[in-house]
């Protein structure tokens, strides 16, 4: 992991422009498609917020229902890097990291959601992430996260 701060913008993250955010000039079917895009964007927001709630409360049972089997994760934080493949590996790592003695608080703000097509979207969130380790006097092993290439 590099010590240099990574520039995070749409170019460096390889995010291409989405569909324009303007009402269609057609009839009722185009209006329905516009409304569906807005509903899809709201569903993405709700999914992201549910994800953070489940992670922060260590609600692994519900978290599993939010994630795809073929999940691929690469998180880079101030002092950590998590890279893993697959829903089960990810949920197990979350279960080790977030407990009654290790509490997190993720606050996501200002979502930039772009619909790329009727079935594909991309999004950026500003994230404020806090972690409290409540049992400072006791040492516990760090969770082991492994990555495999396929």
N, C-alpha and C. Protein backbone atom coordinates (compact mmCIF):
# COMPACT_ATOMS: atom_id res chain seq x y z
N UNK A 1 0.85 -1.17 0.00
CA UNK A 1 0.00 0.00 0.00
C UNK A 1 0.89 1.23 0.00
N UNK A 2 0.65 2.13 -0.89
CA UNK A 2 1.46 3.33 -1.03
C UNK A 2 1.14 4.32 0.09
N UNK A 3 2.15 5.11 0.47
CA UNK A 3 1.95 6.14 1.47
C UNK A 3 1.40 7.42 0.87
N UNK A 4 1.38 7.51 -0.46
CA UNK A 4 0.85 8.70 -1.11
C UNK A 4 -0.67 8.66 -1.11
N UNK A 5 -1.26 9.82 -0.94
CA UNK A 5 -2.72 9.94 -0.96
C UNK A 5 -3.22 9.77 -2.39
N UNK A 6 -4.19 8.89 -2.54
CA UNK A 6 -4.76 8.62 -3.86
C UNK A 6 -5.77 9.71 -4.20
N UNK A 7 -5.70 10.23 -5.42
CA UNK A 7 -6.68 11.19 -5.90
C UNK A 7 -7.93 10.41 -6.27
N UNK A 8 -9.03 10.73 -5.61
CA UNK A 8 -10.28 10.04 -5.89
C UNK A 8 -11.21 10.97 -6.66
N UNK A 9 -11.32 10.71 -7.93
CA UNK A 9 -12.28 11.43 -8.75
C UNK A 9 -12.79 10.46 -9.81
N UNK A 10 -13.73 10.90 -10.60
CA UNK A 10 -14.36 9.99 -11.56
C UNK A 10 -13.35 9.48 -12.59
N UNK A 11 -12.38 10.29 -12.94
CA UNK A 11 -11.37 9.86 -13.90
C UNK A 11 -10.48 8.77 -13.31
N UNK A 12 -9.96 9.00 -12.10
CA UNK A 12 -9.06 8.01 -11.49
C UNK A 12 -9.80 6.73 -11.12
N UNK A 13 -11.10 6.81 -10.91
CA UNK A 13 -11.89 5.63 -10.58
C UNK A 13 -12.50 4.98 -11.82
N UNK A 14 -12.18 5.51 -12.98
CA UNK A 14 -12.64 4.97 -14.26
C UNK A 14 -14.17 4.91 -14.34
N UNK A 15 -14.81 6.00 -13.90
CA UNK A 15 -16.27 6.09 -13.97
C UNK A 15 -16.63 6.94 -15.18
N UNK A 16 -17.38 6.34 -16.07
CA UNK A 16 -17.77 7.04 -17.29
C UNK A 16 -19.09 7.79 -17.08
N UNK A 17 -19.39 8.77 -17.91
CA UNK A 17 -20.63 9.53 -17.76
C UNK A 17 -21.86 8.62 -17.87
N UNK A 18 -22.87 8.96 -17.10
CA UNK A 18 -24.11 8.20 -17.11
C UNK A 18 -25.15 8.82 -18.02
N UNK A 19 -26.35 8.29 -17.92
CA UNK A 19 -27.47 8.83 -18.70
C UNK A 19 -27.75 10.25 -18.21
N UNK A 20 -28.19 11.13 -19.10
CA UNK A 20 -28.46 12.51 -18.67
C UNK A 20 -29.62 12.57 -17.68
N UNK A 21 -29.51 13.49 -16.74
CA UNK A 21 -30.58 13.70 -15.76
C UNK A 21 -31.53 14.77 -16.29
N UNK A 22 -32.33 14.37 -17.23
CA UNK A 22 -33.33 15.27 -17.79
C UNK A 22 -34.55 14.45 -18.18
N UNK A 23 -35.69 15.09 -18.11
CA UNK A 23 -36.94 14.41 -18.47
C UNK A 23 -36.98 14.15 -19.97
N UNK A 24 -37.49 12.99 -20.33
CA UNK A 24 -37.66 12.65 -21.74
C UNK A 24 -38.73 13.55 -22.35
N UNK A 25 -38.62 13.77 -23.63
CA UNK A 25 -39.60 14.62 -24.31
C UNK A 25 -40.73 13.80 -24.94
N UNK A 26 -40.71 12.49 -24.73
CA UNK A 26 -41.72 11.62 -25.33
C UNK A 26 -42.99 11.53 -24.52
N UNK A 27 -43.70 10.45 -24.70
CA UNK A 27 -45.00 10.25 -24.06
C UNK A 27 -44.92 9.53 -22.74
N UNK A 28 -45.99 8.85 -22.40
CA UNK A 28 -46.16 8.22 -21.09
C UNK A 28 -45.14 7.12 -20.83
N UNK A 29 -44.77 6.35 -21.84
CA UNK A 29 -43.78 5.27 -21.63
C UNK A 29 -42.41 5.84 -21.29
N UNK A 30 -42.02 6.92 -21.94
CA UNK A 30 -40.75 7.56 -21.61
C UNK A 30 -40.79 8.14 -20.20
N UNK A 31 -41.95 8.71 -19.81
CA UNK A 31 -42.11 9.22 -18.46
C UNK A 31 -41.99 8.08 -17.43
N UNK A 32 -42.58 6.94 -17.73
CA UNK A 32 -42.45 5.78 -16.85
C UNK A 32 -40.99 5.36 -16.71
N UNK A 33 -40.26 5.37 -17.81
CA UNK A 33 -38.84 5.01 -17.77
C UNK A 33 -38.05 6.01 -16.92
N UNK A 34 -38.38 7.30 -17.03
CA UNK A 34 -37.73 8.33 -16.21
C UNK A 34 -38.00 8.07 -14.72
N UNK A 35 -39.24 7.79 -14.39
CA UNK A 35 -39.61 7.52 -12.99
C UNK A 35 -38.91 6.26 -12.49
N UNK A 36 -38.83 5.23 -13.34
CA UNK A 36 -38.15 4.00 -12.93
C UNK A 36 -36.68 4.25 -12.63
N UNK A 37 -36.02 5.09 -13.44
CA UNK A 37 -34.61 5.42 -13.17
C UNK A 37 -34.47 6.09 -11.80
N UNK A 38 -35.39 7.02 -11.48
CA UNK A 38 -35.34 7.67 -10.17
C UNK A 38 -35.59 6.67 -9.04
N UNK A 39 -36.51 5.74 -9.25
CA UNK A 39 -36.78 4.71 -8.24
C UNK A 39 -35.57 3.79 -8.08
N UNK A 40 -34.90 3.47 -9.18
CA UNK A 40 -33.70 2.65 -9.11
C UNK A 40 -32.60 3.36 -8.33
N UNK A 41 -32.46 4.66 -8.53
CA UNK A 41 -31.46 5.43 -7.81
C UNK A 41 -31.77 5.42 -6.31
N UNK A 42 -33.05 5.54 -5.95
CA UNK A 42 -33.44 5.49 -4.54
C UNK A 42 -33.17 4.10 -3.96
N UNK A 43 -33.42 3.06 -4.73
CA UNK A 43 -33.15 1.69 -4.26
C UNK A 43 -31.65 1.50 -3.99
N UNK A 44 -30.80 2.10 -4.81
CA UNK A 44 -29.35 2.03 -4.59
C UNK A 44 -28.99 2.73 -3.29
N UNK A 45 -29.56 3.91 -3.04
CA UNK A 45 -29.31 4.62 -1.78
C UNK A 45 -29.71 3.76 -0.58
N UNK A 46 -30.91 3.20 -0.63
CA UNK A 46 -31.40 2.41 0.49
C UNK A 46 -30.55 1.17 0.72
N UNK A 47 -30.09 0.54 -0.35
CA UNK A 47 -29.22 -0.63 -0.22
C UNK A 47 -27.90 -0.24 0.46
N UNK A 48 -27.32 0.87 0.04
CA UNK A 48 -26.05 1.32 0.63
C UNK A 48 -26.22 1.63 2.12
N UNK A 49 -27.30 2.31 2.47
CA UNK A 49 -27.53 2.65 3.87
C UNK A 49 -27.80 1.40 4.70
N UNK A 50 -28.52 0.43 4.15
CA UNK A 50 -28.77 -0.83 4.86
C UNK A 50 -27.44 -1.57 5.07
N UNK A 51 -26.58 -1.55 4.06
CA UNK A 51 -25.26 -2.17 4.17
C UNK A 51 -24.48 -1.58 5.36
N UNK A 52 -24.41 -0.25 5.44
CA UNK A 52 -23.68 0.39 6.53
C UNK A 52 -24.30 0.04 7.88
N UNK A 53 -25.63 0.05 7.97
CA UNK A 53 -26.30 -0.28 9.23
C UNK A 53 -25.97 -1.70 9.64
N UNK A 54 -26.01 -2.64 8.70
CA UNK A 54 -25.71 -4.04 9.03
C UNK A 54 -24.26 -4.23 9.44
N UNK A 55 -23.33 -3.55 8.77
CA UNK A 55 -21.92 -3.65 9.15
C UNK A 55 -21.72 -3.07 10.55
N UNK A 56 -22.23 -1.88 10.80
CA UNK A 56 -22.00 -1.21 12.08
C UNK A 56 -22.64 -1.93 13.25
N UNK A 57 -23.75 -2.62 13.03
CA UNK A 57 -24.42 -3.33 14.10
C UNK A 57 -24.07 -4.82 14.11
N UNK A 58 -23.13 -5.22 13.24
CA UNK A 58 -22.72 -6.62 13.10
C UNK A 58 -23.93 -7.53 12.87
N UNK A 59 -24.88 -7.04 12.10
CA UNK A 59 -26.06 -7.82 11.74
C UNK A 59 -25.71 -8.66 10.51
N UNK A 60 -24.96 -9.73 10.74
CA UNK A 60 -24.45 -10.56 9.65
C UNK A 60 -25.55 -11.30 8.92
N UNK A 61 -26.59 -11.67 9.64
CA UNK A 61 -27.71 -12.40 9.02
C UNK A 61 -28.37 -11.57 7.92
N UNK A 62 -28.61 -10.29 8.20
CA UNK A 62 -29.20 -9.43 7.17
C UNK A 62 -28.17 -9.01 6.13
N UNK A 63 -26.93 -8.79 6.55
CA UNK A 63 -25.87 -8.39 5.63
C UNK A 63 -25.73 -9.39 4.48
N UNK A 64 -25.80 -10.67 4.80
CA UNK A 64 -25.69 -11.72 3.77
C UNK A 64 -26.74 -11.53 2.69
N UNK A 65 -27.94 -11.09 3.07
CA UNK A 65 -29.03 -10.94 2.09
C UNK A 65 -28.82 -9.76 1.16
N UNK A 66 -27.93 -8.85 1.52
CA UNK A 66 -27.69 -7.66 0.71
C UNK A 66 -26.59 -7.84 -0.33
N UNK A 67 -25.80 -8.90 -0.18
CA UNK A 67 -24.58 -9.06 -0.99
C UNK A 67 -24.72 -10.17 -2.02
N UNK A 68 -24.05 -10.02 -3.14
CA UNK A 68 -24.00 -11.02 -4.19
C UNK A 68 -22.97 -12.09 -3.83
N UNK A 69 -23.21 -13.33 -4.24
CA UNK A 69 -22.25 -14.42 -3.99
C UNK A 69 -20.86 -14.09 -4.51
N UNK A 70 -20.79 -13.44 -5.66
CA UNK A 70 -19.53 -13.18 -6.36
C UNK A 70 -18.95 -11.81 -5.97
N UNK A 71 -19.12 -11.41 -4.74
CA UNK A 71 -18.65 -10.12 -4.25
C UNK A 71 -17.13 -10.03 -4.35
N UNK A 72 -16.64 -8.88 -4.77
CA UNK A 72 -15.22 -8.59 -4.81
C UNK A 72 -15.01 -7.29 -4.03
N UNK A 73 -14.13 -7.30 -3.03
CA UNK A 73 -13.93 -6.15 -2.16
C UNK A 73 -12.47 -5.74 -2.17
N UNK A 74 -12.25 -4.43 -2.26
CA UNK A 74 -10.91 -3.87 -2.10
C UNK A 74 -11.08 -2.51 -1.42
N UNK A 75 -10.93 -2.49 -0.11
CA UNK A 75 -11.05 -1.27 0.68
C UNK A 75 -9.66 -0.81 1.08
N UNK A 76 -9.40 0.48 0.89
CA UNK A 76 -8.15 1.07 1.34
C UNK A 76 -8.50 2.20 2.28
N UNK A 77 -8.03 2.10 3.53
CA UNK A 77 -8.27 3.14 4.52
C UNK A 77 -6.97 3.76 4.96
N UNK A 78 -7.04 4.59 5.98
CA UNK A 78 -5.85 5.28 6.46
C UNK A 78 -4.74 4.34 6.88
N UNK A 79 -5.07 3.25 7.56
CA UNK A 79 -4.03 2.34 8.04
C UNK A 79 -4.33 0.88 7.69
N UNK A 80 -5.25 0.65 6.79
CA UNK A 80 -5.61 -0.74 6.47
C UNK A 80 -5.91 -0.90 4.98
N UNK A 81 -5.85 -2.14 4.55
CA UNK A 81 -6.26 -2.50 3.20
C UNK A 81 -6.90 -3.88 3.28
N UNK A 82 -8.13 -3.97 2.84
CA UNK A 82 -8.87 -5.24 2.80
C UNK A 82 -9.09 -5.62 1.35
N UNK A 83 -8.70 -6.82 1.01
CA UNK A 83 -8.91 -7.35 -0.33
C UNK A 83 -9.44 -8.76 -0.16
N UNK A 84 -10.63 -9.02 -0.68
CA UNK A 84 -11.17 -10.37 -0.56
C UNK A 84 -12.17 -10.64 -1.67
N UNK A 85 -12.45 -11.92 -1.84
CA UNK A 85 -13.32 -12.38 -2.91
C UNK A 85 -14.39 -13.29 -2.31
N UNK A 86 -15.63 -13.02 -2.64
CA UNK A 86 -16.72 -13.88 -2.21
C UNK A 86 -17.46 -13.37 -0.98
N UNK A 87 -18.77 -13.55 -0.99
CA UNK A 87 -19.63 -13.07 0.08
C UNK A 87 -19.27 -13.69 1.43
N UNK A 88 -19.04 -15.00 1.46
CA UNK A 88 -18.79 -15.66 2.74
C UNK A 88 -17.51 -15.18 3.40
N UNK A 89 -16.45 -15.01 2.61
CA UNK A 89 -15.19 -14.51 3.17
C UNK A 89 -15.37 -13.10 3.72
N UNK A 90 -16.08 -12.27 2.99
CA UNK A 90 -16.31 -10.90 3.43
C UNK A 90 -17.13 -10.84 4.72
N UNK A 91 -18.22 -11.58 4.78
CA UNK A 91 -19.08 -11.56 5.96
C UNK A 91 -18.33 -12.11 7.18
N UNK A 92 -17.51 -13.13 6.98
CA UNK A 92 -16.70 -13.67 8.08
C UNK A 92 -15.73 -12.61 8.60
N UNK A 93 -15.10 -11.87 7.71
CA UNK A 93 -14.16 -10.82 8.11
C UNK A 93 -14.89 -9.70 8.86
N UNK A 94 -16.07 -9.32 8.40
CA UNK A 94 -16.87 -8.30 9.09
C UNK A 94 -17.22 -8.80 10.49
N UNK A 95 -17.59 -10.07 10.60
CA UNK A 95 -17.92 -10.65 11.90
C UNK A 95 -16.77 -10.61 12.88
N UNK A 96 -15.55 -10.71 12.37
CA UNK A 96 -14.36 -10.63 13.24
C UNK A 96 -14.02 -9.17 13.59
N UNK A 97 -14.28 -8.25 12.68
CA UNK A 97 -13.88 -6.86 12.88
C UNK A 97 -14.89 -6.05 13.71
N UNK A 98 -16.18 -6.35 13.56
CA UNK A 98 -17.22 -5.58 14.24
C UNK A 98 -17.91 -6.48 15.26
N UNK A 99 -17.72 -6.16 16.54
CA UNK A 99 -18.26 -6.97 17.64
C UNK A 99 -18.80 -6.02 18.71
N UNK A 100 -19.17 -6.59 19.86
CA UNK A 100 -19.62 -5.75 20.98
C UNK A 100 -18.47 -4.90 21.51
N UNK A 101 -17.24 -5.32 21.25
CA UNK A 101 -16.07 -4.59 21.73
C UNK A 101 -15.38 -3.76 20.65
N UNK A 102 -15.82 -3.88 19.42
CA UNK A 102 -15.26 -3.11 18.31
C UNK A 102 -16.43 -2.58 17.49
N UNK A 103 -16.72 -1.30 17.71
CA UNK A 103 -17.93 -0.70 17.16
C UNK A 103 -17.55 0.29 16.06
N UNK A 104 -18.28 0.22 14.96
CA UNK A 104 -18.04 1.14 13.85
C UNK A 104 -19.23 2.06 13.64
N UNK A 105 -18.96 3.16 12.96
CA UNK A 105 -20.01 4.10 12.58
C UNK A 105 -19.65 4.65 11.22
N UNK A 106 -20.40 4.23 10.21
CA UNK A 106 -20.20 4.71 8.84
C UNK A 106 -21.29 5.73 8.53
N UNK A 107 -20.88 6.90 8.12
CA UNK A 107 -21.83 7.93 7.67
C UNK A 107 -21.51 8.24 6.22
N UNK A 108 -22.44 7.90 5.35
CA UNK A 108 -22.26 8.16 3.92
C UNK A 108 -23.09 9.37 3.54
N UNK A 109 -22.46 10.28 2.82
CA UNK A 109 -23.12 11.53 2.44
C UNK A 109 -22.95 11.79 0.95
N UNK A 110 -23.80 12.61 0.44
CA UNK A 110 -23.67 13.16 -0.91
C UNK A 110 -23.50 12.10 -2.00
N UNK A 111 -24.45 11.18 -2.13
CA UNK A 111 -24.29 10.16 -3.18
C UNK A 111 -24.33 10.77 -4.58
N UNK A 112 -23.40 10.33 -5.39
CA UNK A 112 -23.37 10.70 -6.81
C UNK A 112 -23.67 9.44 -7.60
N UNK A 113 -24.94 9.22 -7.88
CA UNK A 113 -25.39 8.01 -8.56
C UNK A 113 -25.61 8.33 -10.03
N UNK A 114 -25.01 7.53 -10.87
CA UNK A 114 -25.20 7.69 -12.31
C UNK A 114 -25.76 6.40 -12.88
N UNK A 115 -26.88 6.51 -13.55
CA UNK A 115 -27.44 5.37 -14.25
C UNK A 115 -26.71 5.27 -15.59
N UNK A 116 -26.12 4.11 -15.84
CA UNK A 116 -25.39 3.89 -17.09
C UNK A 116 -26.29 3.28 -18.15
N UNK A 117 -27.29 2.53 -17.70
CA UNK A 117 -28.28 1.91 -18.59
C UNK A 117 -29.48 1.54 -17.72
N UNK A 118 -30.42 0.83 -18.28
CA UNK A 118 -31.59 0.40 -17.49
C UNK A 118 -31.22 -0.64 -16.44
N UNK A 119 -30.05 -1.26 -16.57
CA UNK A 119 -29.67 -2.33 -15.64
C UNK A 119 -28.32 -2.12 -14.96
N UNK A 120 -27.68 -0.98 -15.16
CA UNK A 120 -26.35 -0.76 -14.63
C UNK A 120 -26.21 0.67 -14.11
N UNK A 121 -25.54 0.80 -12.97
CA UNK A 121 -25.30 2.12 -12.37
C UNK A 121 -23.93 2.12 -11.71
N UNK A 122 -23.46 3.31 -11.42
CA UNK A 122 -22.25 3.49 -10.64
C UNK A 122 -22.51 4.61 -9.64
N UNK A 123 -21.79 4.59 -8.52
CA UNK A 123 -22.05 5.61 -7.50
C UNK A 123 -20.80 5.91 -6.68
N UNK A 124 -20.73 7.12 -6.21
CA UNK A 124 -19.69 7.57 -5.28
C UNK A 124 -20.39 8.15 -4.05
N UNK A 125 -19.83 7.87 -2.87
CA UNK A 125 -20.33 8.44 -1.63
C UNK A 125 -19.17 9.06 -0.89
N UNK A 126 -19.40 10.17 -0.21
CA UNK A 126 -18.44 10.69 0.75
C UNK A 126 -18.65 9.89 2.02
N UNK A 127 -17.59 9.37 2.59
CA UNK A 127 -17.71 8.49 3.74
C UNK A 127 -16.93 9.03 4.93
N UNK A 128 -17.61 9.15 6.06
CA UNK A 128 -16.97 9.42 7.35
C UNK A 128 -17.06 8.11 8.13
N UNK A 129 -15.92 7.53 8.45
CA UNK A 129 -15.86 6.20 9.04
C UNK A 129 -15.15 6.29 10.38
N UNK A 130 -15.84 5.92 11.45
CA UNK A 130 -15.25 5.93 12.79
C UNK A 130 -15.25 4.52 13.36
N UNK A 131 -14.22 4.19 14.13
CA UNK A 131 -14.11 2.86 14.74
C UNK A 131 -13.65 3.04 16.17
N UNK A 132 -14.33 2.37 17.11
CA UNK A 132 -13.96 2.41 18.51
C UNK A 132 -13.67 1.00 18.97
N UNK A 133 -12.49 0.80 19.52
CA UNK A 133 -12.11 -0.47 20.13
C UNK A 133 -12.28 -0.27 21.64
N UNK A 134 -13.24 -0.97 22.22
CA UNK A 134 -13.62 -0.72 23.61
C UNK A 134 -12.79 -1.50 24.62
N UNK A 135 -12.11 -2.54 24.20
CA UNK A 135 -11.33 -3.35 25.13
C UNK A 135 -9.84 -3.14 24.87
N UNK A 136 -9.39 -1.90 25.03
CA UNK A 136 -8.00 -1.56 24.73
C UNK A 136 -6.99 -2.39 25.51
N UNK A 137 -7.30 -2.74 26.75
CA UNK A 137 -6.36 -3.48 27.58
C UNK A 137 -6.17 -4.92 27.12
N UNK A 138 -7.15 -5.48 26.45
CA UNK A 138 -7.06 -6.87 25.99
C UNK A 138 -6.66 -6.88 24.53
N UNK A 139 -5.76 -7.76 24.21
CA UNK A 139 -5.33 -7.88 22.81
C UNK A 139 -6.04 -9.06 22.19
N UNK A 140 -6.48 -8.85 20.98
CA UNK A 140 -7.07 -9.96 20.23
C UNK A 140 -6.41 -9.99 18.87
N UNK A 141 -6.30 -11.16 18.28
CA UNK A 141 -5.65 -11.22 16.97
C UNK A 141 -6.47 -10.47 15.93
N UNK A 142 -5.75 -9.85 15.01
CA UNK A 142 -6.43 -9.14 13.91
C UNK A 142 -7.10 -10.16 13.00
N UNK A 143 -8.23 -9.79 12.40
CA UNK A 143 -8.88 -10.74 11.50
C UNK A 143 -7.98 -11.04 10.30
N UNK A 144 -8.00 -12.28 9.88
CA UNK A 144 -7.21 -12.67 8.73
C UNK A 144 -8.07 -12.56 7.48
N UNK A 145 -7.58 -11.83 6.52
CA UNK A 145 -8.27 -11.66 5.24
C UNK A 145 -7.32 -12.13 4.16
N UNK A 146 -7.77 -13.05 3.36
CA UNK A 146 -6.93 -13.53 2.28
C UNK A 146 -7.62 -13.25 0.96
N UNK A 147 -6.85 -13.12 -0.07
CA UNK A 147 -7.39 -12.90 -1.41
C UNK A 147 -6.86 -13.97 -2.34
N UNK A 148 -7.70 -14.40 -3.23
CA UNK A 148 -7.27 -15.35 -4.24
C UNK A 148 -7.61 -14.80 -5.61
N UNK A 149 -6.75 -15.02 -6.55
CA UNK A 149 -7.00 -14.57 -7.92
C UNK A 149 -7.68 -15.68 -8.70
N UNK A 150 -8.68 -15.28 -9.48
CA UNK A 150 -9.37 -16.27 -10.33
C UNK A 150 -9.25 -15.87 -11.77
